[in-house]
Amino acid sequence: MASSARRFFGMVVLVAFVVVYCFIAMVIGDITMADKHWSIKLVYFAIAGLIWVVPAGMIISWTYKKR
């Protein structure tokens, strides 16, 4: 796959992943954290807000990988 095509495909996958991940994290947080204390909600959303970085980093490293 050409470098520019790989980067375009990686960008599309990354944007789609982030959008889907945000919706899933929000739904899980809304369902499970509805009656919890605000500090527990803060911890959940802080962790959920950082977990996406690992798969996003893997996608980005794939897009810039040399053949």
PDB file of N, CA and C in Angstrom:
ATOM      1  N   MET A   1       0.847  -1.164   0.000  1.00  0.00           N
ATOM      2  CA  MET A   1       0.000   0.000   0.000  1.00  0.00           C
ATOM      3  C   MET A   1       0.902   1.240   0.000  1.00  0.00           C
ATOM      4  N   ALA A   2       0.571   2.195  -0.828  1.00  0.00           N
ATOM      5  CA  ALA A   2       1.355   3.426  -0.909  1.00  0.00           C
ATOM      6  C   ALA A   2       1.262   4.196   0.399  1.00  0.00           C
ATOM      7  N   SER A   3       2.296   4.979   0.656  1.00  0.00           N
ATOM      8  CA  SER A   3       2.372   5.715   1.910  1.00  0.00           C
ATOM      9  C   SER A   3       1.207   6.681   2.081  1.00  0.00           C
ATOM     10  N   SER A   4       0.863   7.395   1.021  1.00  0.00           N
ATOM     11  CA  SER A   4      -0.238   8.357   1.144  1.00  0.00           C
ATOM     12  C   SER A   4      -1.581   7.650   1.323  1.00  0.00           C
ATOM     13  N   ALA A   5      -1.764   6.519   0.672  1.00  0.00           N
ATOM     14  CA  ALA A   5      -3.008   5.761   0.832  1.00  0.00           C
ATOM     15  C   ALA A   5      -3.102   5.181   2.243  1.00  0.00           C
ATOM     16  N   ARG A   6      -1.981   4.710   2.765  1.00  0.00           N
ATOM     17  CA  ARG A   6      -1.964   4.169   4.125  1.00  0.00           C
ATOM     18  C   ARG A   6      -2.303   5.259   5.134  1.00  0.00           C
ATOM     19  N   ARG A   7      -1.756   6.444   4.938  1.00  0.00           N
ATOM     20  CA  ARG A   7      -2.045   7.548   5.861  1.00  0.00           C
ATOM     21  C   ARG A   7      -3.500   7.982   5.771  1.00  0.00           C
ATOM     22  N   PHE A   8      -4.061   8.029   4.576  1.00  0.00           N
ATOM     23  CA  PHE A   8      -5.468   8.392   4.432  1.00  0.00           C
ATOM     24  C   PHE A   8      -6.354   7.352   5.095  1.00  0.00           C
ATOM     25  N   PHE A   9      -6.089   6.078   4.831  1.00  0.00           N
ATOM     26  CA  PHE A   9      -6.873   5.003   5.435  1.00  0.00           C
ATOM     27  C   PHE A   9      -6.741   5.018   6.955  1.00  0.00           C
ATOM     28  N   GLY A  10      -5.539   5.245   7.450  1.00  0.00           N
ATOM     29  CA  GLY A  10      -5.316   5.327   8.893  1.00  0.00           C
ATOM     30  C   GLY A  10      -6.067   6.483   9.524  1.00  0.00           C
ATOM     31  N   MET A  11      -6.119   7.626   8.824  1.00  0.00           N
ATOM     32  CA  MET A  11      -6.844   8.778   9.336  1.00  0.00           C
ATOM     33  C   MET A  11      -8.338   8.488   9.431  1.00  0.00           C
ATOM     34  N   VAL A  12      -8.886   7.859   8.398  1.00  0.00           N
ATOM     35  CA  VAL A  12     -10.305   7.521   8.394  1.00  0.00           C
ATOM     36  C   VAL A  12     -10.619   6.530   9.519  1.00  0.00           C
ATOM     37  N   VAL A  13      -9.792   5.524   9.674  1.00  0.00           N
ATOM     38  CA  VAL A  13      -9.995   4.532  10.737  1.00  0.00           C
ATOM     39  C   VAL A  13      -9.873   5.186  12.110  1.00  0.00           C
ATOM     40  N   LEU A  14      -8.906   6.074  12.273  1.00  0.00           N
ATOM     41  CA  LEU A  14      -8.703   6.743  13.553  1.00  0.00           C
ATOM     42  C   LEU A  14      -9.891   7.623  13.939  1.00  0.00           C
ATOM     43  N   VAL A  15     -10.394   8.386  12.995  1.00  0.00           N
ATOM     44  CA  VAL A  15     -11.552   9.244  13.276  1.00  0.00           C
ATOM     45  C   VAL A  15     -12.775   8.392  13.606  1.00  0.00           C
ATOM     46  N   ALA A  16     -12.995   7.336  12.838  1.00  0.00           N
ATOM     47  CA  ALA A  16     -14.135   6.457  13.100  1.00  0.00           C
ATOM     48  C   ALA A  16     -13.990   5.784  14.460  1.00  0.00           C
ATOM     49  N   PHE A  17     -12.791   5.345  14.798  1.00  0.00           N
ATOM     50  CA  PHE A  17     -12.551   4.709  16.088  1.00  0.00           C
ATOM     51  C   PHE A  17     -12.836   5.661  17.241  1.00  0.00           C
ATOM     52  N   VAL A  18     -12.354   6.892  17.142  1.00  0.00           N
ATOM     53  CA  VAL A  18     -12.545   7.857  18.233  1.00  0.00           C
ATOM     54  C   VAL A  18     -14.030   8.179  18.417  1.00  0.00           C
ATOM     55  N   VAL A  19     -14.756   8.346  17.326  1.00  0.00           N
ATOM     56  CA  VAL A  19     -16.190   8.649  17.430  1.00  0.00           C
ATOM     57  C   VAL A  19     -16.934   7.486  18.072  1.00  0.00           C
ATOM     58  N   VAL A  20     -16.678   6.271  17.608  1.00  0.00           N
ATOM     59  CA  VAL A  20     -17.358   5.089  18.169  1.00  0.00           C
ATOM     60  C   VAL A  20     -16.962   4.894  19.628  1.00  0.00           C
ATOM     61  N   TYR A  21     -15.683   5.059  19.935  1.00  0.00           N
ATOM     62  CA  TYR A  21     -15.219   4.892  21.306  1.00  0.00           C
ATOM     63  C   TYR A  21     -15.877   5.908  22.238  1.00  0.00           C
ATOM     64  N   CYS A  22     -15.998   7.148  21.800  1.00  0.00           N
ATOM     65  CA  CYS A  22     -16.637   8.178  22.631  1.00  0.00           C
ATOM     66  C   CYS A  22     -18.077   7.812  22.949  1.00  0.00           C
ATOM     67  N   PHE A  23     -18.819   7.390  21.939  1.00  0.00           N
ATOM     68  CA  PHE A  23     -20.208   7.024  22.183  1.00  0.00           C
ATOM     69  C   PHE A  23     -20.323   5.818  23.118  1.00  0.00           C
ATOM     70  N   ILE A  24     -19.478   4.820  22.923  1.00  0.00           N
ATOM     71  CA  ILE A  24     -19.521   3.640  23.789  1.00  0.00           C
ATOM     72  C   ILE A  24     -19.158   4.003  25.227  1.00  0.00           C
ATOM     73  N   ALA A  25     -18.109   4.810  25.408  1.00  0.00           N
ATOM     74  CA  ALA A  25     -17.702   5.212  26.753  1.00  0.00           C
ATOM     75  C   ALA A  25     -18.781   6.048  27.430  1.00  0.00           C
ATOM     76  N   MET A  26     -19.445   6.918  26.673  1.00  0.00           N
ATOM     77  CA  MET A  26     -20.511   7.731  27.256  1.00  0.00           C
ATOM     78  C   MET A  26     -21.710   6.879  27.649  1.00  0.00           C
ATOM     79  N   VAL A  27     -22.084   5.938  26.808  1.00  0.00           N
ATOM     80  CA  VAL A  27     -23.239   5.087  27.113  1.00  0.00           C
ATOM     81  C   VAL A  27     -22.951   4.216  28.329  1.00  0.00           C
ATOM     82  N   ILE A  28     -21.782   3.599  28.371  1.00  0.00           N
ATOM     83  CA  ILE A  28     -21.422   2.768  29.522  1.00  0.00           C
ATOM     84  C   ILE A  28     -21.384   3.615  30.787  1.00  0.00           C
ATOM     85  N   GLY A  29     -20.796   4.808  30.689  1.00  0.00           N
ATOM     86  CA  GLY A  29     -20.749   5.691  31.850  1.00  0.00           C
ATOM     87  C   GLY A  29     -22.118   6.148  32.286  1.00  0.00           C
ATOM     88  N   ASP A  30     -22.980   6.436  31.347  1.00  0.00           N
ATOM     89  CA  ASP A  30     -24.325   6.885  31.693  1.00  0.00           C
ATOM     90  C   ASP A  30     -25.138   5.775  32.337  1.00  0.00           C
ATOM     91  N   ILE A  31     -25.017   4.567  31.819  1.00  0.00           N
ATOM     92  CA  ILE A  31     -25.788   3.444  32.359  1.00  0.00           C
ATOM     93  C   ILE A  31     -25.261   3.016  33.731  1.00  0.00           C
ATOM     94  N   THR A  32     -23.967   2.905  33.869  1.00  0.00           N
ATOM     95  CA  THR A  32     -23.404   2.365  35.109  1.00  0.00           C
ATOM     96  C   THR A  32     -23.156   3.415  36.177  1.00  0.00           C
ATOM     97  N   MET A  33     -23.009   4.672  35.792  1.00  0.00           N
ATOM     98  CA  MET A  33     -22.649   5.705  36.767  1.00  0.00           C
ATOM     99  C   MET A  33     -23.792   6.667  37.093  1.00  0.00           C
ATOM    100  N   ALA A  34     -25.010   6.331  36.755  1.00  0.00           N
ATOM    101  CA  ALA A  34     -26.138   7.262  36.922  1.00  0.00           C
ATOM    102  C   ALA A  34     -26.345   7.664  38.385  1.00  0.00           C
ATOM    103  N   ASP A  35     -26.213   6.742  39.306  1.00  0.00           N
ATOM    104  CA  ASP A  35     -26.489   7.068  40.703  1.00  0.00           C
ATOM    105  C   ASP A  35     -25.243   7.012  41.584  1.00  0.00           C
ATOM    106  N   LYS A  36     -24.085   7.143  40.986  1.00  0.00           N
ATOM    107  CA  LYS A  36     -22.832   7.093  41.748  1.00  0.00           C
ATOM    108  C   LYS A  36     -22.433   8.497  42.209  1.00  0.00           C
ATOM    109  N   HIS A  37     -21.522   8.537  43.141  1.00  0.00           N
ATOM    110  CA  HIS A  37     -20.979   9.794  43.648  1.00  0.00           C
ATOM    111  C   HIS A  37     -20.158  10.470  42.543  1.00  0.00           C
ATOM    112  N   TRP A  38     -20.059  11.795  42.597  1.00  0.00           N
ATOM    113  CA  TRP A  38     -19.380  12.529  41.536  1.00  0.00           C
ATOM    114  C   TRP A  38     -17.904  12.163  41.441  1.00  0.00           C
ATOM    115  N   SER A  39     -17.284  11.772  42.553  1.00  0.00           N
ATOM    116  CA  SER A  39     -15.863  11.426  42.499  1.00  0.00           C
ATOM    117  C   SER A  39     -15.637  10.115  41.743  1.00  0.00           C
ATOM    118  N   ILE A  40     -16.564   9.187  41.868  1.00  0.00           N
ATOM    119  CA  ILE A  40     -16.462   7.926  41.122  1.00  0.00           C
ATOM    120  C   ILE A  40     -16.666   8.193  39.635  1.00  0.00           C
ATOM    121  N   LYS A  41     -17.590   9.070  39.302  1.00  0.00           N
ATOM    122  CA  LYS A  41     -17.796   9.456  37.906  1.00  0.00           C
ATOM    123  C   LYS A  41     -16.543  10.110  37.344  1.00  0.00           C
ATOM    124  N   LEU A  42     -15.913  10.960  38.139  1.00  0.00           N
ATOM    125  CA  LEU A  42     -14.691  11.634  37.705  1.00  0.00           C
ATOM    126  C   LEU A  42     -13.593  10.630  37.376  1.00  0.00           C
ATOM    127  N   VAL A  43     -13.428   9.637  38.239  1.00  0.00           N
ATOM    128  CA  VAL A  43     -12.401   8.612  38.005  1.00  0.00           C
ATOM    129  C   VAL A  43     -12.723   7.807  36.745  1.00  0.00           C
ATOM    130  N   TYR A  44     -13.989   7.398  36.592  1.00  0.00           N
ATOM    131  CA  TYR A  44     -14.364   6.620  35.406  1.00  0.00           C
ATOM    132  C   TYR A  44     -14.093   7.405  34.127  1.00  0.00           C
ATOM    133  N   PHE A  45     -14.580   8.634  34.067  1.00  0.00           N
ATOM    134  CA  PHE A  45     -14.435   9.395  32.831  1.00  0.00           C
ATOM    135  C   PHE A  45     -12.990   9.826  32.589  1.00  0.00           C
ATOM    136  N   ALA A  46     -12.198   9.983  33.630  1.00  0.00           N
ATOM    137  CA  ALA A  46     -10.777  10.273  33.438  1.00  0.00           C
ATOM    138  C   ALA A  46     -10.066   9.064  32.824  1.00  0.00           C
ATOM    139  N   ILE A  47     -10.368   7.883  33.347  1.00  0.00           N
ATOM    140  CA  ILE A  47      -9.747   6.666  32.801  1.00  0.00           C
ATOM    141  C   ILE A  47     -10.259   6.394  31.390  1.00  0.00           C
ATOM    142  N   ALA A  48     -11.566   6.502  31.199  1.00  0.00           N
ATOM    143  CA  ALA A  48     -12.137   6.271  29.868  1.00  0.00           C
ATOM    144  C   ALA A  48     -11.639   7.310  28.866  1.00  0.00           C
ATOM    145  N   GLY A  49     -11.352   8.502  29.354  1.00  0.00           N
ATOM    146  CA  GLY A  49     -10.844   9.545  28.477  1.00  0.00           C
ATOM    147  C   GLY A  49      -9.395   9.363  28.080  1.00  0.00           C
ATOM    148  N   LEU A  50      -8.679   8.508  28.775  1.00  0.00           N
ATOM    149  CA  LEU A  50      -7.270   8.278  28.445  1.00  0.00           C
ATOM    150  C   LEU A  50      -7.007   6.937  27.765  1.00  0.00           C
ATOM    151  N   ILE A  51      -7.901   5.980  27.911  1.00  0.00           N
ATOM    152  CA  ILE A  51      -7.664   4.640  27.367  1.00  0.00           C
ATOM    153  C   ILE A  51      -7.579   4.645  25.841  1.00  0.00           C
ATOM    154  N   TRP A  52      -8.308   5.530  25.178  1.00  0.00           N
ATOM    155  CA  TRP A  52      -8.328   5.543  23.719  1.00  0.00           C
ATOM    156  C   TRP A  52      -6.957   5.861  23.126  1.00  0.00           C
ATOM    157  N   VAL A  53      -6.063   6.403  23.919  1.00  0.00           N
ATOM    158  CA  VAL A  53      -4.751   6.807  23.408  1.00  0.00           C
ATOM    159  C   VAL A  53      -3.938   5.599  22.946  1.00  0.00           C
ATOM    160  N   VAL A  54      -4.058   4.473  23.635  1.00  0.00           N
ATOM    161  CA  VAL A  54      -3.266   3.280  23.287  1.00  0.00           C
ATOM    162  C   VAL A  54      -3.621   2.745  21.898  1.00  0.00           C
ATOM    163  N   PRO A  55      -4.898   2.440  21.592  1.00  0.00           N
ATOM    164  CA  PRO A  55      -5.192   1.973  20.234  1.00  0.00           C
ATOM    165  C   PRO A  55      -4.972   3.053  19.178  1.00  0.00           C
ATOM    166  N   ALA A  56      -5.190   4.319  19.536  1.00  0.00           N
ATOM    167  CA  ALA A  56      -4.936   5.391  18.577  1.00  0.00           C
ATOM    168  C   ALA A  56      -3.451   5.460  18.238  1.00  0.00           C
ATOM    169  N   GLY A  57      -2.614   5.270  19.231  1.00  0.00           N
ATOM    170  CA  GLY A  57      -1.171   5.241  18.986  1.00  0.00           C
ATOM    171  C   GLY A  57      -0.763   4.085  18.101  1.00  0.00           C
ATOM    172  N   MET A  58      -1.423   2.951  18.268  1.00  0.00           N
ATOM    173  CA  MET A  58      -1.116   1.805  17.415  1.00  0.00           C
ATOM    174  C   MET A  58      -1.540   2.074  15.973  1.00  0.00           C
ATOM    175  N   ILE A  59      -2.681   2.728  15.793  1.00  0.00           N
ATOM    176  CA  ILE A  59      -3.125   3.073  14.436  1.00  0.00           C
ATOM    177  C   ILE A  59      -2.164   4.068  13.800  1.00  0.00           C
ATOM    178  N   ILE A  60      -1.751   5.065  14.560  1.00  0.00           N
ATOM    179  CA  ILE A  60      -0.827   6.067  14.021  1.00  0.00           C
ATOM    180  C   ILE A  60       0.519   5.450  13.684  1.00  0.00           C
ATOM    181  N   SER A  61       1.021   4.565  14.548  1.00  0.00           N
ATOM    182  CA  SER A  61       2.304   3.927  14.236  1.00  0.00           C
ATOM    183  C   SER A  61       2.199   3.040  12.997  1.00  0.00           C
ATOM    184  N   TRP A  62       1.027   2.428  12.773  1.00  0.00           N
ATOM    185  CA  TRP A  62       0.845   1.630  11.571  1.00  0.00           C
ATOM    186  C   TRP A  62       0.858   2.515  10.325  1.00  0.00           C
ATOM    187  N   THR A  63       0.263   3.706  10.417  1.00  0.00           N
ATOM    188  CA  THR A  63       0.196   4.565   9.244  1.00  0.00           C
ATOM    189  C   THR A  63       1.567   5.070   8.823  1.00  0.00           C
ATOM    190  N   TYR A  64       2.487   5.200   9.779  1.00  0.00           N
ATOM    191  CA  TYR A  64       3.826   5.709   9.464  1.00  0.00           C
ATOM    192  C   TYR A  64       4.878   4.611   9.396  1.00  0.00           C
ATOM    193  N   LYS A  65       4.448   3.360   9.388  1.00  0.00           N
ATOM    194  CA  LYS A  65       5.386   2.246   9.335  1.00  0.00           C
ATOM    195  C   LYS A  65       5.996   2.140   7.945  1.00  0.00           C
ATOM    196  N   LYS A  66       7.278   1.911   7.909  1.00  0.00           N
ATOM    197  CA  LYS A  66       7.965   1.689   6.634  1.00  0.00           C
ATOM    198  C   LYS A  66       7.738   0.245   6.206  1.00  0.00           C
ATOM    199  N   ARG A  67       7.704   0.055   4.916  1.00  0.00           N
ATOM    200  CA  ARG A  67       7.498  -1.290   4.386  1.00  0.00           C
ATOM    201  C   ARG A  67       8.677  -2.156   4.594  1.00  0.00           C
TER     202      ARG A  67
END
